[in-house]
Amino acid sequence: MLKEVKSEIAKTIADVAQISEAQALAAFEIPKEGFGDMASKIAFMLASGQKRNPVEIAGDIAEKLKTKKIKFIEKIETKGPYINFYFSNEFYIEALKKILKEKEKFGKAKKTKNKIMVEFFHANTHKGVHIGHIRNIVLGEALCRVLEADGNNVIRANYQGDIGPHVAKCLWGFLNLYGGKAPAENRGTWLGKVYAEASEKIKENGELEKQVQEINLKLYSGDKETTKFWKMTRQWCLDDFEKFYREFGVKFGELYFESETEKTGKKVVQELLKKGIVKRDQGAIVIDLKAENLGVSVLLTQEGYPLYSTKDLGLAKIKFDKYKLDKSIHVVGKEQEFYFKQLFATFKRIGFKKAAEVSHHLIYELVMLPEGKMSSREGTMVLYGDLKEKLIEIAKSEVKKRHEDWPQKEIDSIALQIALGALKFSMVRRESNKVIVFDWDEALQLEGDTGPYLQYAHVRTNGILKKTKEKAKIGKSYAFTADEKKLVKKLAEFPEQVEKAAHDLALHYMAHYLLELATAFNKFYTTSPVLTAEKPAQLKSRLAMVQASSILLQNGLHLLGMACPKKM
């Protein structure tokens, strides 16, 4: 709705100022309170070219605009070099009608043929799922949902390390520390703890390091006994991952594993060696990227073992042979930034033209606790299971304080939704390239910039709607208050916010928008009595605003992968 109004104004400005529509659109900004609903700084942009005072230019354009009929605009005025536009009452009425009619479809763009693969999660088997993986999966799934809402066809892909030194280390611990015996349940999670324990034992012990290397060599050579233990323990991890995916509402379309991509990658490297694109150096096969200021990347070791880059070449061949991708997004941590620069440069050098053109590394930073940085190797990493249990424990306590009469099953269900909502929102509310310091107690607050605050705002909207039998219906001549106008304008922004978040791959846009929407709703509810409205028409119109808020809070929370509890 807001986008359509902007487009209409931009076309009219372009016509009267003899500029392009793109220029006119680029000049829009949200004005300060009291200076209209939308402002254009086009006069600033034209001043240097015309060598005129921008105030004079703004005045001339505004006078011409006043002779035109622009839908949903009732007044145009200038303040210095700015041209300010005021929405008519009809704008607010039509915006609400559109939201109430389209419901969950509001904000969704038309389907395109654009095909995007988003690779995320990437948790290795034989290691624990920790708080860093949570940020990854939350960002990845939210990004997929936003891209889908923007009309794209999205393929969710997960590329996991299921072979290599970390697996050998875990198998060593499994066999030597636990005699090959495991608990009956949650064995994948348990293996993550075995890996941390084994890492601690092996550290700075040359003899044990040799034993791990032997296991790794047997893995790559296909030793039957080692392969048997590897397949068994790998499946335990995959089974636990499936439970985890369900909890986070994720369903991958493609599951890729290093054990599968390495063979294809080695073939690619051998072909490149024959063509002279890569070379041997001290027995290893390398690609020289010094011309790109990216050093030398090793593809195969002197023993012939593939490194990450070789496996990624295999992955690129597999997925681009199958899909005609318009974009390939890798959601991977900041510490791999240089590696991905090397990888994308390698794509270009070896002739993987499409992969080089459409690949993008979406960087995310560390998640830290107030106590400091975590390390899986040092065994100080906060595992997801432990994190979830602590959050649920706190959430249960808070729910029970407020609702002692609720049955335990209901308390457990609501507490889980609140705990996961708190966790997910904490992972998306900041820019992905910023470090997060995760505070357990702060994340669960019902006030402030938190997931539970948004969930509670949604619960509040539904609570209001349930208390009356009256139907939400906006009146044709309803006179909106200032706070009501602010709320409806914020509601009307939703489609544009989805588009911006998809275009910039920035999930924090949506998080900030939802916080602003919840704040606007709470202000409206404070100043505009709903259930105690003086007139029936006023009640119905305000119910329409409550219902529209409920719809968009739910739509927005869904995009971030968050549940909407029925009560809190």
Protein backbone atom coordinates (compact mmCIF):
# COMPACT_ATOMS: atom_id res chain seq x y z
CA MET A 1 0.00 0.00 0.00
CA LEU A 2 2.71 2.47 1.04
CA LYS A 3 4.87 1.34 -1.85
CA GLU A 4 2.05 2.06 -4.30
CA VAL A 5 1.57 5.55 -2.87
CA LYS A 6 5.31 6.23 -3.14
CA SER A 7 5.29 5.06 -6.73
CA GLU A 8 2.33 7.32 -7.55
CA ILE A 9 4.00 10.38 -6.00
CA ALA A 10 7.35 9.54 -7.68
CA LYS A 11 5.72 9.31 -11.12
CA THR A 12 4.12 12.71 -10.62
CA ILE A 13 7.35 14.32 -9.37
CA ALA A 14 9.25 12.79 -12.30
CA ASP A 15 6.71 14.27 -14.69
CA VAL A 16 6.71 17.82 -13.32
CA ALA A 17 10.46 17.99 -12.56
CA GLN A 18 11.53 16.27 -15.79
CA ILE A 19 13.60 13.60 -14.03
CA SER A 20 13.50 9.80 -13.88
CA GLU A 21 11.13 7.95 -11.60
CA ALA A 22 14.15 6.22 -10.01
CA GLN A 23 15.58 9.62 -9.02
CA ALA A 24 12.27 10.65 -7.52
CA LEU A 25 11.99 7.40 -5.53
CA ALA A 26 15.54 7.79 -4.20
CA ALA A 27 14.63 11.21 -2.77
CA PHE A 28 11.96 9.98 -0.33
CA GLU A 29 12.47 9.94 3.40
CA ILE A 30 10.34 9.75 6.54
CA PRO A 31 9.94 13.30 7.90
CA LYS A 32 10.04 14.39 11.53
CA GLU A 33 6.73 14.43 13.36
CA GLY A 34 4.54 17.34 12.28
CA PHE A 35 6.11 17.57 8.82
CA GLY A 36 3.78 15.33 6.87
CA ASP A 37 3.65 11.60 6.25
CA MET A 38 6.29 11.48 3.55
CA ALA A 39 8.95 13.94 2.40
CA SER A 40 11.00 14.42 -0.74
CA LYS A 41 14.47 15.98 -0.77
CA ILE A 42 14.53 16.08 -4.56
CA ALA A 43 15.30 19.81 -4.47
CA PHE A 44 18.65 19.06 -2.81
CA MET A 45 19.50 16.56 -5.52
CA LEU A 46 18.67 18.99 -8.33
CA ALA A 47 20.22 22.13 -6.84
CA SER A 48 23.82 21.69 -8.00
CA GLY A 49 22.84 20.73 -11.55
CA GLN A 50 20.42 23.64 -11.91
CA LYS A 51 22.62 26.04 -9.91
CA ARG A 52 19.59 27.27 -8.03
CA ASN A 53 18.55 27.58 -4.41
CA PRO A 54 16.97 24.24 -3.32
CA VAL A 55 14.24 26.13 -1.41
CA GLU A 56 13.22 27.83 -4.67
CA ILE A 57 13.28 24.50 -6.57
CA ALA A 58 11.13 22.83 -3.89
CA GLY A 59 8.59 25.67 -4.11
CA ASP A 60 8.36 25.43 -7.90
CA ILE A 61 7.89 21.66 -7.89
CA ALA A 62 5.32 21.82 -5.07
CA GLU A 63 3.21 24.39 -6.94
CA LYS A 64 3.13 22.16 -10.01
CA LEU A 65 2.29 19.11 -7.90
CA LYS A 66 -0.69 20.91 -6.38
CA THR A 67 -2.26 21.10 -9.83
CA LYS A 68 -2.14 17.30 -10.12
CA LYS A 69 -4.44 14.79 -8.51
CA ILE A 70 -2.38 12.25 -6.54
CA LYS A 71 -4.32 9.37 -5.03
CA PHE A 72 -4.35 9.29 -1.20
CA ILE A 73 -2.64 12.68 -0.89
CA GLU A 74 -4.72 15.50 0.59
CA LYS A 75 -2.09 18.20 1.13
CA ILE A 76 1.33 19.19 -0.21
CA GLU A 77 3.50 21.85 1.37
CA THR A 78 7.16 22.86 1.58
CA LYS A 79 9.37 23.34 4.60
CA GLY A 80 12.59 24.89 3.37
CA PRO A 81 13.97 22.60 0.63
CA TYR A 82 11.69 19.68 1.56
CA ILE A 83 8.38 18.84 -0.11
CA ASN A 84 6.03 17.26 2.43
CA PHE A 85 3.04 15.07 1.59
CA TYR A 86 0.05 14.42 3.85
CA PHE A 87 -2.07 11.28 3.46
CA SER A 88 -5.81 11.57 3.14
CA ASN A 89 -8.21 9.76 5.46
CA GLU A 90 -8.94 7.40 2.58
CA PHE A 91 -5.36 6.11 2.73
CA TYR A 92 -5.78 4.81 6.29
CA ILE A 93 -9.18 3.28 5.54
CA GLU A 94 -7.98 1.49 2.41
CA ALA A 95 -4.76 0.29 4.08
CA LEU A 96 -6.76 -1.38 6.86
CA LYS A 97 -9.23 -2.90 4.41
CA LYS A 98 -6.39 -4.39 2.38
CA ILE A 99 -4.73 -5.98 5.44
CA LEU A 100 -8.02 -7.41 6.73
CA LYS A 101 -8.81 -8.82 3.31
CA GLU A 102 -5.41 -10.33 2.48
CA LYS A 103 -4.51 -11.50 6.01
CA GLU A 104 -1.44 -13.79 5.86
CA LYS A 105 -0.95 -12.92 2.17
CA PHE A 106 -0.42 -9.24 2.96
CA GLY A 107 3.20 -8.37 2.29
CA LYS A 108 3.86 -11.34 0.01
CA ALA A 109 5.14 -10.51 -3.46
CA LYS A 110 4.08 -12.30 -6.63
CA LYS A 111 5.97 -15.50 -7.39
CA THR A 112 8.98 -15.09 -9.67
CA LYS A 113 11.18 -17.61 -11.46
CA ASN A 114 14.13 -16.49 -9.36
CA LYS A 115 15.82 -19.52 -7.78
CA ILE A 116 17.98 -19.06 -4.67
CA MET A 117 19.85 -21.68 -2.68
CA VAL A 118 20.55 -20.82 0.95
CA GLU A 119 23.16 -23.02 2.62
CA PHE A 120 22.98 -22.86 6.38
CA PHE A 121 23.37 -24.68 9.71
CA HIS A 122 26.46 -26.70 8.65
CA ALA A 123 26.85 -28.40 12.03
CA ASN A 124 29.43 -31.18 11.80
CA THR A 125 28.48 -34.65 12.90
CA HIS A 126 30.40 -35.92 15.94
CA LYS A 127 30.41 -32.44 17.46
CA GLY A 128 27.90 -30.69 19.69
CA VAL A 129 25.28 -28.22 18.40
CA HIS A 130 26.21 -25.03 20.21
CA ILE A 131 24.98 -21.46 20.53
CA GLY A 132 26.86 -20.38 17.37
CA HIS A 133 24.91 -22.94 15.33
CA ILE A 134 21.71 -21.46 16.76
CA ARG A 135 22.51 -18.06 15.28
CA ASN A 136 23.25 -19.75 11.97
CA ILE A 137 20.06 -21.80 11.73
CA VAL A 138 17.86 -18.92 12.93
CA LEU A 139 19.40 -16.50 10.41
CA GLY A 140 19.25 -19.10 7.64
CA GLU A 141 15.61 -20.10 8.14
CA ALA A 142 14.43 -16.49 8.63
CA LEU A 143 16.29 -15.48 5.47
CA CYS A 144 14.61 -18.30 3.52
CA ARG A 145 11.16 -17.21 4.73
CA VAL A 146 11.77 -13.56 3.89
CA LEU A 147 13.14 -14.44 0.44
CA GLU A 148 10.08 -16.64 -0.20
CA ALA A 149 7.75 -13.84 0.92
CA ASP A 150 9.53 -11.63 -1.62
CA GLY A 151 8.50 -14.04 -4.39
CA ASN A 152 11.64 -16.17 -4.75
CA ASN A 153 11.87 -19.95 -5.06
CA VAL A 154 14.16 -20.99 -2.22
CA ILE A 155 16.10 -24.23 -1.80
CA ARG A 156 17.24 -24.84 1.77
CA ALA A 157 20.57 -26.66 1.78
CA ASN A 158 22.73 -27.97 4.58
CA TYR A 159 26.40 -28.84 3.97
CA GLN A 160 27.91 -30.80 6.85
CA GLY A 161 31.33 -32.12 7.75
CA ASP A 162 30.90 -35.82 8.46
CA ILE A 163 34.47 -36.91 7.86
CA GLY A 164 37.89 -35.64 8.85
CA PRO A 165 40.06 -35.10 11.96
CA HIS A 166 37.16 -34.06 14.21
CA VAL A 167 35.38 -37.35 13.47
CA ALA A 168 38.56 -39.31 14.14
CA LYS A 169 38.96 -37.51 17.48
CA CYS A 170 35.37 -38.30 18.50
CA LEU A 171 35.72 -41.96 17.46
CA TRP A 172 38.93 -42.20 19.49
CA GLY A 173 37.03 -40.91 22.55
CA PHE A 174 34.07 -43.20 21.90
CA LEU A 175 36.30 -46.29 21.67
CA ASN A 176 38.97 -45.45 24.25
CA LEU A 177 37.10 -43.47 26.89
CA TYR A 178 33.74 -45.26 26.71
CA GLY A 179 34.66 -48.66 25.29
CA GLY A 180 32.28 -48.22 22.36
CA LYS A 181 29.22 -47.94 24.62
CA ALA A 182 26.67 -45.13 24.40
CA PRO A 183 23.48 -44.05 26.22
CA ALA A 184 20.10 -45.16 24.86
CA GLU A 185 18.88 -41.64 23.95
CA ASN A 186 20.26 -38.36 22.57
CA ARG A 187 23.39 -40.14 21.44
CA GLY A 188 24.31 -37.51 18.87
CA THR A 189 24.29 -34.81 21.55
CA TRP A 190 26.28 -37.11 23.81
CA LEU A 191 28.92 -37.57 21.07
CA GLY A 192 29.45 -33.80 21.09
CA LYS A 193 30.46 -34.06 24.74
CA VAL A 194 32.67 -37.06 23.94
CA TYR A 195 34.42 -34.94 21.29
CA ALA A 196 35.10 -32.13 23.80
CA GLU A 197 36.34 -34.63 26.40
CA ALA A 198 38.57 -36.40 23.87
CA SER A 199 40.01 -33.07 22.69
CA GLU A 200 41.00 -32.25 26.25
CA LYS A 201 42.66 -35.66 26.78
CA ILE A 202 44.53 -35.60 23.47
CA LYS A 203 45.76 -32.01 23.78
CA GLU A 204 49.57 -31.83 23.81
CA ASN A 205 49.87 -35.63 23.94
CA GLY A 206 51.86 -36.72 20.88
CA GLU A 207 51.14 -40.42 21.30
CA LEU A 208 47.37 -39.93 21.42
CA GLU A 209 47.54 -37.52 18.46
CA LYS A 210 49.16 -40.32 16.44
CA GLN A 211 46.31 -42.68 17.37
CA VAL A 212 43.78 -40.12 16.13
CA GLN A 213 45.74 -39.68 12.88
CA GLU A 214 45.67 -43.43 12.35
CA ILE A 215 41.88 -43.46 12.75
CA ASN A 216 41.63 -40.59 10.26
CA LEU A 217 43.79 -42.47 7.72
CA LYS A 218 41.62 -45.56 8.13
CA LEU A 219 38.49 -43.45 7.57
CA TYR A 220 39.77 -42.09 4.26
CA SER A 221 41.10 -45.47 3.13
CA GLY A 222 37.73 -47.15 3.81
CA ASP A 223 38.84 -49.54 6.58
CA LYS A 224 35.84 -51.81 7.27
CA GLU A 225 35.90 -51.74 11.08
CA THR A 226 36.45 -47.98 11.28
CA THR A 227 33.80 -47.37 8.62
CA LYS A 228 31.31 -49.46 10.63
CA PHE A 229 31.77 -47.29 13.74
CA TRP A 230 31.74 -44.13 11.62
CA LYS A 231 28.41 -44.98 9.94
CA MET A 232 26.80 -45.98 13.22
CA THR A 233 27.83 -42.84 15.12
CA ARG A 234 27.13 -40.61 12.11
CA GLN A 235 23.53 -41.85 12.07
CA TRP A 236 23.13 -41.03 15.75
CA CYS A 237 24.10 -37.45 14.97
CA LEU A 238 21.77 -37.24 11.97
CA ASP A 239 18.87 -38.58 14.05
CA ASP A 240 19.43 -35.90 16.70
CA PHE A 241 19.75 -33.23 13.99
CA GLU A 242 16.31 -34.20 12.67
CA LYS A 243 14.76 -33.52 16.08
CA PHE A 244 16.56 -30.21 16.17
CA TYR A 245 15.29 -29.23 12.68
CA ARG A 246 11.70 -29.95 13.71
CA GLU A 247 12.09 -27.79 16.81
CA PHE A 248 13.31 -24.88 14.67
CA GLY A 249 10.72 -25.39 11.93
CA VAL A 250 13.32 -26.17 9.27
CA LYS A 251 12.94 -28.62 6.42
CA PHE A 252 15.98 -28.89 4.17
CA GLY A 253 15.52 -29.57 0.48
CA GLU A 254 19.12 -30.73 0.07
CA LEU A 255 21.47 -32.38 2.56
CA TYR A 256 25.08 -32.39 1.36
CA PHE A 257 27.97 -34.11 3.15
CA GLU A 258 31.73 -33.75 2.81
CA SER A 259 32.04 -37.53 2.52
CA GLU A 260 30.01 -37.28 -0.71
CA THR A 261 31.47 -34.12 -2.23
CA GLU A 262 35.15 -35.01 -1.74
CA LYS A 263 35.20 -37.60 -4.57
CA THR A 264 33.68 -35.16 -7.06
CA GLY A 265 36.04 -32.44 -5.82
CA LYS A 266 39.13 -34.63 -6.31
CA LYS A 267 38.05 -35.38 -9.89
CA VAL A 268 37.65 -31.65 -10.56
CA VAL A 269 41.14 -30.95 -9.17
CA GLN A 270 42.75 -33.73 -11.21
CA GLU A 271 41.15 -32.34 -14.38
CA LEU A 272 42.39 -28.84 -13.51
CA LEU A 273 45.89 -30.25 -12.99
CA LYS A 274 45.84 -31.79 -16.48
CA LYS A 275 44.78 -28.44 -17.93
CA GLY A 276 47.55 -26.63 -16.06
CA ILE A 277 45.12 -24.39 -14.16
CA VAL A 278 46.43 -25.70 -10.82
CA LYS A 279 49.92 -27.01 -10.06
CA ARG A 280 51.96 -29.26 -7.81
CA ASP A 281 53.97 -27.65 -5.05
CA GLN A 282 56.08 -29.87 -2.75
CA GLY A 283 53.78 -32.78 -3.54
CA ALA A 284 50.53 -30.90 -2.80
CA ILE A 285 48.17 -29.53 -5.46
CA VAL A 286 47.60 -25.78 -5.12
CA ILE A 287 46.07 -22.84 -6.93
CA ASP A 288 48.03 -19.60 -6.91
CA LEU A 289 45.75 -16.64 -6.11
CA LYS A 290 48.49 -14.09 -5.41
CA ALA A 291 47.31 -11.95 -8.32
CA GLU A 292 44.04 -11.49 -6.40
CA ASN A 293 45.99 -10.80 -3.16
CA LEU A 294 44.60 -14.06 -1.76
CA GLY A 295 47.82 -16.07 -1.43
CA VAL A 296 48.00 -19.75 -2.32
CA SER A 297 45.11 -22.16 -1.67
CA VAL A 298 45.93 -25.83 -1.08
CA LEU A 299 43.45 -28.21 -2.75
CA LEU A 300 45.01 -31.62 -2.11
CA THR A 301 47.68 -32.45 0.47
CA GLN A 302 50.88 -34.25 -0.54
CA GLU A 303 49.23 -37.45 0.74
CA GLY A 304 46.35 -36.82 -1.68
CA TYR A 305 43.74 -35.88 0.94
CA PRO A 306 41.20 -33.22 -0.04
CA LEU A 307 40.89 -30.01 1.99
CA TYR A 308 37.75 -27.89 2.47
CA SER A 309 38.31 -26.06 -0.82
CA THR A 310 38.37 -29.28 -2.85
CA LYS A 311 35.18 -30.50 -1.20
CA ASP A 312 33.56 -27.13 -1.92
CA LEU A 313 34.53 -27.44 -5.59
CA GLY A 314 32.78 -30.81 -5.59
CA LEU A 315 29.74 -29.28 -3.92
CA ALA A 316 29.62 -26.43 -6.45
CA LYS A 317 29.72 -28.88 -9.36
CA ILE A 318 27.00 -31.08 -7.84
CA LYS A 319 24.56 -28.27 -7.06
CA PHE A 320 25.10 -26.16 -10.20
CA ASP A 321 24.79 -29.25 -12.41
CA LYS A 322 21.38 -29.88 -10.82
CA TYR A 323 20.03 -26.34 -10.34
CA LYS A 324 20.08 -23.20 -12.46
CA LEU A 325 20.61 -20.89 -9.51
CA ASP A 326 20.17 -17.13 -9.65
CA LYS A 327 21.88 -16.79 -6.28
CA SER A 328 23.80 -19.09 -3.94
CA ILE A 329 24.01 -17.78 -0.37
CA HIS A 330 26.40 -19.29 2.17
CA VAL A 331 25.46 -18.45 5.78
CA VAL A 332 28.85 -18.92 7.43
CA GLY A 333 30.73 -17.23 10.28
CA LYS A 334 33.06 -14.26 10.01
CA GLU A 335 36.15 -16.42 10.67
CA GLN A 336 35.69 -17.98 7.21
CA GLU A 337 35.63 -14.65 5.34
CA PHE A 338 39.11 -15.03 3.79
CA TYR A 339 38.40 -18.65 2.88
CA PHE A 340 35.28 -17.68 0.93
CA LYS A 341 37.16 -14.94 -0.89
CA GLN A 342 39.65 -17.61 -1.97
CA LEU A 343 36.86 -20.01 -2.92
CA PHE A 344 34.94 -17.50 -5.05
CA ALA A 345 38.20 -16.40 -6.71
CA THR A 346 38.94 -20.07 -7.43
CA PHE A 347 35.50 -20.46 -9.05
CA LYS A 348 36.33 -17.56 -11.37
CA ARG A 349 39.84 -18.80 -12.18
CA ILE A 350 38.83 -22.37 -13.03
CA GLY A 351 35.85 -21.42 -15.20
CA PHE A 352 32.98 -22.08 -12.77
CA LYS A 353 31.50 -18.89 -14.18
CA LYS A 354 27.97 -19.16 -12.80
CA ALA A 355 29.17 -20.11 -9.32
CA ALA A 356 31.54 -17.13 -9.32
CA GLU A 357 28.80 -14.73 -10.42
CA VAL A 358 26.01 -15.68 -8.03
CA SER A 359 27.79 -16.90 -4.87
CA HIS A 360 27.51 -14.73 -1.77
CA HIS A 361 28.93 -15.16 1.73
CA LEU A 362 26.45 -13.92 4.33
CA ILE A 363 28.68 -13.23 7.29
CA TYR A 364 27.57 -13.60 10.87
CA GLU A 365 29.63 -12.88 13.96
CA LEU A 366 30.24 -14.74 17.20
CA VAL A 367 27.70 -15.33 19.93
CA MET A 368 29.24 -14.77 23.35
CA LEU A 369 28.00 -15.05 26.89
CA PRO A 370 28.65 -12.30 29.45
CA GLU A 371 31.42 -14.59 30.78
CA GLY A 372 33.29 -14.38 27.46
CA LYS A 373 34.14 -16.34 24.32
CA MET A 374 33.36 -20.06 23.99
CA SER A 375 35.38 -22.85 22.41
CA SER A 376 34.26 -26.34 21.37
CA ARG A 377 37.86 -27.56 21.45
CA GLU A 378 38.36 -26.34 24.99
CA GLY A 379 35.03 -27.81 26.08
CA THR A 380 33.70 -24.38 27.16
CA MET A 381 31.05 -24.23 24.44
CA VAL A 382 27.44 -23.88 25.53
CA LEU A 383 25.62 -26.78 23.91
CA TYR A 384 22.11 -26.22 22.57
CA GLY A 385 20.51 -28.83 24.84
CA ASP A 386 21.90 -27.17 27.97
CA LEU A 387 20.97 -23.71 26.69
CA LYS A 388 17.40 -24.76 25.90
CA GLU A 389 16.88 -26.42 29.26
CA LYS A 390 18.05 -23.33 31.14
CA LEU A 391 15.82 -21.02 29.08
CA ILE A 392 12.80 -23.30 29.52
CA GLU A 393 13.44 -23.50 33.26
CA ILE A 394 13.43 -19.68 33.54
CA ALA A 395 10.37 -19.38 31.25
CA LYS A 396 8.42 -22.00 33.23
CA SER A 397 9.16 -20.17 36.45
CA GLU A 398 7.88 -16.88 35.01
CA VAL A 399 4.73 -18.45 33.52
CA LYS A 400 3.96 -20.25 36.78
CA LYS A 401 4.31 -17.01 38.78
CA ARG A 402 1.62 -15.40 36.64
CA HIS A 403 -0.65 -18.42 36.13
CA GLU A 404 -0.50 -20.82 39.08
CA ASP A 405 -3.86 -22.30 38.04
CA TRP A 406 -2.68 -23.44 34.60
CA PRO A 407 -2.18 -27.20 34.11
CA GLN A 408 1.49 -28.24 33.92
CA LYS A 409 1.16 -29.41 30.31
CA GLU A 410 0.03 -25.93 29.25
CA ILE A 411 2.82 -24.27 31.24
CA ASP A 412 5.38 -26.55 29.56
CA SER A 413 4.02 -25.83 26.07
CA ILE A 414 3.89 -22.03 26.51
CA ALA A 415 7.31 -21.97 28.22
CA LEU A 416 8.90 -23.78 25.26
CA GLN A 417 7.39 -21.30 22.78
CA ILE A 418 8.57 -18.35 24.88
CA ALA A 419 12.06 -19.82 25.39
CA LEU A 420 12.56 -20.52 21.67
CA GLY A 421 11.05 -17.14 20.77
CA ALA A 422 13.48 -15.40 23.11
CA LEU A 423 16.41 -17.32 21.67
CA LYS A 424 15.47 -16.78 18.02
CA PHE A 425 14.77 -13.08 18.36
CA SER A 426 18.08 -12.56 20.17
CA MET A 427 19.83 -14.00 17.12
CA VAL A 428 18.18 -11.74 14.51
CA ARG A 429 17.67 -8.41 16.26
CA ARG A 430 21.24 -7.29 15.59
CA GLU A 431 23.01 -7.01 12.23
CA SER A 432 24.46 -10.39 11.34
CA ASN A 433 28.02 -8.99 11.19
CA LYS A 434 27.85 -7.78 14.82
CA VAL A 435 28.92 -9.84 17.85
CA ILE A 436 26.02 -10.87 20.11
CA VAL A 437 26.42 -11.10 23.87
CA PHE A 438 23.58 -13.40 24.85
CA ASP A 439 22.09 -12.63 28.26
CA TRP A 440 19.73 -15.35 29.50
CA ASP A 441 17.55 -13.18 31.72
CA GLU A 442 17.38 -10.15 29.44
CA ALA A 443 16.25 -12.27 26.46
CA LEU A 444 13.16 -13.46 28.35
CA GLN A 445 11.90 -10.04 29.48
CA LEU A 446 8.32 -9.14 28.54
CA GLU A 447 9.41 -5.53 28.09
CA GLY A 448 12.15 -4.13 25.89
CA ASP A 449 13.68 -5.37 22.66
CA THR A 450 12.87 -9.05 23.12
CA GLY A 451 11.01 -11.89 21.47
CA PRO A 452 8.61 -12.37 24.41
CA TYR A 453 7.70 -8.66 24.20
CA LEU A 454 6.53 -9.22 20.61
CA GLN A 455 4.78 -12.47 21.48
CA TYR A 456 2.98 -10.74 24.34
CA ALA A 457 1.89 -7.89 22.05
CA HIS A 458 0.31 -10.48 19.75
CA VAL A 459 -1.38 -12.26 22.67
CA ARG A 460 -2.74 -8.88 23.77
CA THR A 461 -4.33 -8.22 20.36
CA ASN A 462 -6.07 -11.58 20.42
CA GLY A 463 -7.20 -11.04 24.00
CA ILE A 464 -8.95 -7.80 23.00
CA LEU A 465 -10.66 -9.42 20.01
CA LYS A 466 -11.97 -12.30 22.15
CA LYS A 467 -13.63 -9.97 24.65
CA THR A 468 -16.30 -8.73 22.23
CA LYS A 469 -18.77 -10.20 19.79
CA GLU A 470 -18.55 -7.10 17.61
CA LYS A 471 -16.92 -7.56 14.20
CA ALA A 472 -13.95 -5.48 13.10
CA LYS A 473 -15.04 -3.07 10.36
CA ILE A 474 -13.50 0.24 9.43
CA GLY A 475 -16.04 3.02 8.96
CA LYS A 476 -16.12 4.98 5.68
CA SER A 477 -15.76 8.32 7.43
CA TYR A 478 -13.85 7.32 10.55
CA ALA A 479 -11.71 10.19 11.89
CA PHE A 480 -8.31 8.78 12.87
CA THR A 481 -6.39 10.15 15.85
CA ALA A 482 -2.66 10.91 15.56
CA ASP A 483 -1.68 7.65 17.31
CA GLU A 484 -4.06 5.66 15.14
CA LYS A 485 -2.52 7.16 12.03
CA LYS A 486 0.96 6.24 13.26
CA LEU A 487 -0.16 2.66 13.82
CA VAL A 488 -1.82 2.27 10.42
CA LYS A 489 1.18 3.82 8.63
CA LYS A 490 3.45 1.37 10.42
CA LEU A 491 1.16 -1.51 9.40
CA ALA A 492 1.21 -0.32 5.79
CA GLU A 493 5.03 -0.45 5.78
CA PHE A 494 5.09 -4.25 6.14
CA PRO A 495 5.44 -5.22 2.43
CA GLU A 496 8.22 -2.69 1.94
CA GLN A 497 10.07 -3.98 5.00
CA VAL A 498 9.89 -7.54 3.64
CA GLU A 499 11.25 -6.36 0.29
CA LYS A 500 14.10 -4.41 1.91
CA ALA A 501 15.06 -7.30 4.21
CA ALA A 502 15.13 -9.69 1.22
CA HIS A 503 17.08 -7.30 -1.00
CA ASP A 504 19.73 -6.48 1.63
CA LEU A 505 19.72 -9.96 3.23
CA ALA A 506 19.18 -8.12 6.51
CA LEU A 507 16.91 -9.88 8.99
CA HIS A 508 17.39 -7.21 11.64
CA TYR A 509 15.24 -4.89 9.50
CA MET A 510 12.25 -7.12 10.19
CA ALA A 511 13.13 -7.45 13.88
CA HIS A 512 13.32 -3.66 14.32
CA TYR A 513 10.13 -3.16 12.34
CA LEU A 514 8.20 -5.56 14.57
CA LEU A 515 9.45 -3.78 17.69
CA GLU A 516 8.29 -0.45 16.24
CA LEU A 517 4.93 -2.00 15.31
CA ALA A 518 4.42 -3.41 18.82
CA THR A 519 5.32 -0.04 20.33
CA ALA A 520 2.91 1.78 17.99
CA PHE A 521 0.16 -0.70 18.88
CA ASN A 522 0.71 -0.29 22.63
CA LYS A 523 0.60 3.50 22.29
CA PHE A 524 -2.61 3.28 20.25
CA TYR A 525 -4.21 0.98 22.83
CA THR A 526 -3.31 3.42 25.62
CA THR A 527 -4.77 6.49 23.92
CA SER A 528 -7.65 4.94 21.96
CA PRO A 529 -10.04 2.94 24.19
CA VAL A 530 -11.26 -0.05 22.20
CA LEU A 531 -13.70 -2.11 24.25
CA THR A 532 -14.94 1.02 26.07
CA ALA A 533 -15.28 3.12 22.91
CA GLU A 534 -18.14 5.62 23.09
CA LYS A 535 -19.84 4.68 19.80
CA PRO A 536 -20.40 1.33 18.01
CA ALA A 537 -18.77 2.66 14.81
CA GLN A 538 -15.73 3.72 16.83
CA LEU A 539 -15.51 0.28 18.48
CA LYS A 540 -15.66 -1.55 15.13
CA SER A 541 -13.06 0.72 13.53
CA ARG A 542 -10.65 0.34 16.42
CA LEU A 543 -11.21 -3.41 16.41
CA ALA A 544 -10.14 -3.30 12.76
CA MET A 545 -6.85 -1.72 13.86
CA VAL A 546 -6.39 -4.36 16.56
CA GLN A 547 -7.11 -7.19 14.12
CA ALA A 548 -4.74 -5.74 11.49
CA SER A 549 -2.03 -5.47 14.15
CA SER A 550 -2.64 -9.07 15.17
CA ILE A 551 -2.35 -10.25 11.56
CA LEU A 552 0.93 -8.45 10.89
CA LEU A 553 2.55 -9.32 14.20
CA GLN A 554 1.81 -12.95 13.41
CA ASN A 555 3.04 -12.60 9.81
CA GLY A 556 6.25 -10.94 10.99
CA LEU A 557 6.92 -13.41 13.79
CA HIS A 558 6.40 -16.26 11.32
CA LEU A 559 9.04 -14.76 9.01
CA LEU A 560 11.50 -14.84 11.91
CA GLY A 561 10.55 -18.46 12.66
CA MET A 562 8.85 -17.58 15.96
CA ALA A 563 5.70 -19.12 17.40
CA CYS A 564 2.70 -17.07 18.52
CA PRO A 565 1.49 -18.45 21.88
CA LYS A 566 -2.29 -18.30 22.38
CA LYS A 567 -1.75 -16.88 25.84
CA MET A 568 1.12 -15.88 28.12
